[in-house]
Amino acid sequence: MTVAQSWLLQHSPSIMLIPDTLSVAHLRENIAGAALALPPDALAELDPT
């Protein structure tokens, strides 16, 4: 989920994500997704063809 959130935010910084945050663990995962910067080669590999 962290990588998916990062990928979405790097493609459109104005996107509004509303992830499931029912626990402190989920909140930490969501924060990590926002803080993760994927390198260009990883973004290219994850992009749909």
N, C-alpha and C. Protein backbone atom coordinates (compact mmCIF):
# COMPACT_ATOMS: atom_id res chain seq x y z
N MET A 1 0.82 -1.18 0.00
CA MET A 1 0.00 0.00 0.00
C MET A 1 0.87 1.25 0.00
N THR A 2 1.98 1.21 0.72
CA THR A 2 2.88 2.36 0.80
C THR A 2 3.40 2.75 -0.58
N VAL A 3 3.82 1.76 -1.35
CA VAL A 3 4.32 2.02 -2.70
C VAL A 3 3.20 2.56 -3.59
N ALA A 4 2.02 2.01 -3.48
CA ALA A 4 0.88 2.48 -4.29
C ALA A 4 0.55 3.93 -3.98
N GLN A 5 0.55 4.30 -2.72
CA GLN A 5 0.28 5.68 -2.34
C GLN A 5 1.35 6.61 -2.89
N SER A 6 2.60 6.21 -2.77
CA SER A 6 3.70 7.02 -3.28
C SER A 6 3.58 7.20 -4.78
N TRP A 7 3.28 6.11 -5.49
CA TRP A 7 3.15 6.16 -6.96
C TRP A 7 2.05 7.15 -7.36
N LEU A 8 0.90 7.07 -6.70
CA LEU A 8 -0.20 7.98 -7.01
C LEU A 8 0.18 9.44 -6.76
N LEU A 9 0.79 9.70 -5.61
CA LEU A 9 1.16 11.07 -5.27
C LEU A 9 2.23 11.63 -6.19
N GLN A 10 3.15 10.79 -6.67
CA GLN A 10 4.20 11.26 -7.57
C GLN A 10 3.64 11.53 -8.97
N HIS A 11 2.55 10.89 -9.33
CA HIS A 11 1.96 11.15 -10.64
C HIS A 11 1.07 12.38 -10.62
N SER A 12 0.49 12.68 -9.49
CA SER A 12 -0.37 13.85 -9.39
C SER A 12 -0.35 14.35 -7.94
N PRO A 13 0.48 15.35 -7.66
CA PRO A 13 0.57 15.83 -6.28
C PRO A 13 -0.72 16.46 -5.76
N SER A 14 -1.66 16.75 -6.65
CA SER A 14 -2.91 17.35 -6.21
C SER A 14 -4.00 16.31 -5.96
N ILE A 15 -3.65 15.02 -6.08
CA ILE A 15 -4.63 13.96 -5.85
C ILE A 15 -4.98 13.89 -4.36
N MET A 16 -6.20 13.55 -4.09
CA MET A 16 -6.67 13.43 -2.71
C MET A 16 -6.86 11.96 -2.39
N LEU A 17 -6.00 11.43 -1.56
CA LEU A 17 -6.12 10.04 -1.13
C LEU A 17 -6.90 9.99 0.18
N ILE A 18 -7.81 9.03 0.26
CA ILE A 18 -8.55 8.82 1.50
C ILE A 18 -8.36 7.36 1.89
N PRO A 19 -7.19 7.05 2.46
CA PRO A 19 -6.90 5.66 2.81
C PRO A 19 -7.59 5.25 4.11
N ASP A 20 -7.72 3.96 4.27
CA ASP A 20 -8.30 3.37 5.48
C ASP A 20 -7.35 3.62 6.64
N THR A 21 -7.82 4.30 7.67
CA THR A 21 -6.98 4.58 8.83
C THR A 21 -7.75 4.22 10.10
N LEU A 22 -7.92 2.94 10.29
CA LEU A 22 -8.67 2.48 11.45
C LEU A 22 -7.79 2.17 12.66
N SER A 23 -6.48 2.23 12.46
CA SER A 23 -5.57 1.93 13.57
C SER A 23 -4.33 2.80 13.45
N VAL A 24 -3.55 2.83 14.49
CA VAL A 24 -2.29 3.58 14.47
C VAL A 24 -1.33 2.98 13.45
N ALA A 25 -1.35 1.68 13.29
CA ALA A 25 -0.49 1.02 12.29
C ALA A 25 -0.85 1.49 10.88
N HIS A 26 -2.13 1.58 10.57
CA HIS A 26 -2.56 2.08 9.26
C HIS A 26 -2.13 3.53 9.07
N LEU A 27 -2.25 4.34 10.09
CA LEU A 27 -1.84 5.73 10.01
C LEU A 27 -0.35 5.82 9.69
N ARG A 28 0.45 5.01 10.35
CA ARG A 28 1.90 5.01 10.08
C ARG A 28 2.20 4.59 8.64
N GLU A 29 1.48 3.59 8.13
CA GLU A 29 1.66 3.16 6.75
C GLU A 29 1.29 4.28 5.78
N ASN A 30 0.22 4.99 6.06
CA ASN A 30 -0.22 6.08 5.20
C ASN A 30 0.79 7.22 5.18
N ILE A 31 1.34 7.54 6.33
CA ILE A 31 2.36 8.58 6.41
C ILE A 31 3.61 8.15 5.65
N ALA A 32 3.97 6.89 5.76
CA ALA A 32 5.14 6.38 5.05
C ALA A 32 4.93 6.48 3.54
N GLY A 33 3.74 6.23 3.06
CA GLY A 33 3.45 6.34 1.64
C GLY A 33 3.61 7.75 1.13
N ALA A 34 3.22 8.72 1.93
CA ALA A 34 3.35 10.11 1.54
C ALA A 34 4.81 10.56 1.56
N ALA A 35 5.62 9.95 2.41
CA ALA A 35 7.02 10.34 2.55
C ALA A 35 7.95 9.61 1.58
N LEU A 36 7.49 8.50 1.01
CA LEU A 36 8.34 7.69 0.14
C LEU A 36 8.48 8.32 -1.23
N ALA A 37 9.72 8.48 -1.68
CA ALA A 37 9.98 9.00 -3.02
C ALA A 37 10.54 7.86 -3.87
N LEU A 38 9.74 7.38 -4.80
CA LEU A 38 10.18 6.29 -5.67
C LEU A 38 11.14 6.82 -6.73
N PRO A 39 12.21 6.10 -7.02
CA PRO A 39 13.13 6.53 -8.08
C PRO A 39 12.47 6.40 -9.45
N PRO A 40 12.95 7.16 -10.43
CA PRO A 40 12.34 7.14 -11.76
C PRO A 40 12.22 5.75 -12.38
N ASP A 41 13.21 4.88 -12.18
CA ASP A 41 13.13 3.54 -12.78
C ASP A 41 12.02 2.70 -12.15
N ALA A 42 11.77 2.90 -10.85
CA ALA A 42 10.68 2.19 -10.18
C ALA A 42 9.33 2.71 -10.68
N LEU A 43 9.23 4.02 -10.86
CA LEU A 43 7.99 4.59 -11.39
C LEU A 43 7.70 4.04 -12.79
N ALA A 44 8.73 3.97 -13.61
CA ALA A 44 8.57 3.46 -14.97
C ALA A 44 8.13 2.01 -14.96
N GLU A 45 8.67 1.23 -14.05
CA GLU A 45 8.31 -0.19 -13.98
C GLU A 45 6.88 -0.38 -13.50
N LEU A 46 6.41 0.49 -12.65
CA LEU A 46 5.05 0.38 -12.10
C LEU A 46 3.98 0.96 -13.02
N ASP A 47 4.39 1.84 -13.93
CA ASP A 47 3.42 2.45 -14.84
C ASP A 47 2.79 1.38 -15.74
N PRO A 48 1.48 1.48 -15.94
CA PRO A 48 0.83 0.54 -16.86
C PRO A 48 1.29 0.79 -18.30
N THR A 49 1.32 -0.25 -19.08
CA THR A 49 1.77 -0.09 -20.46
C THR A 49 0.61 0.05 -21.40
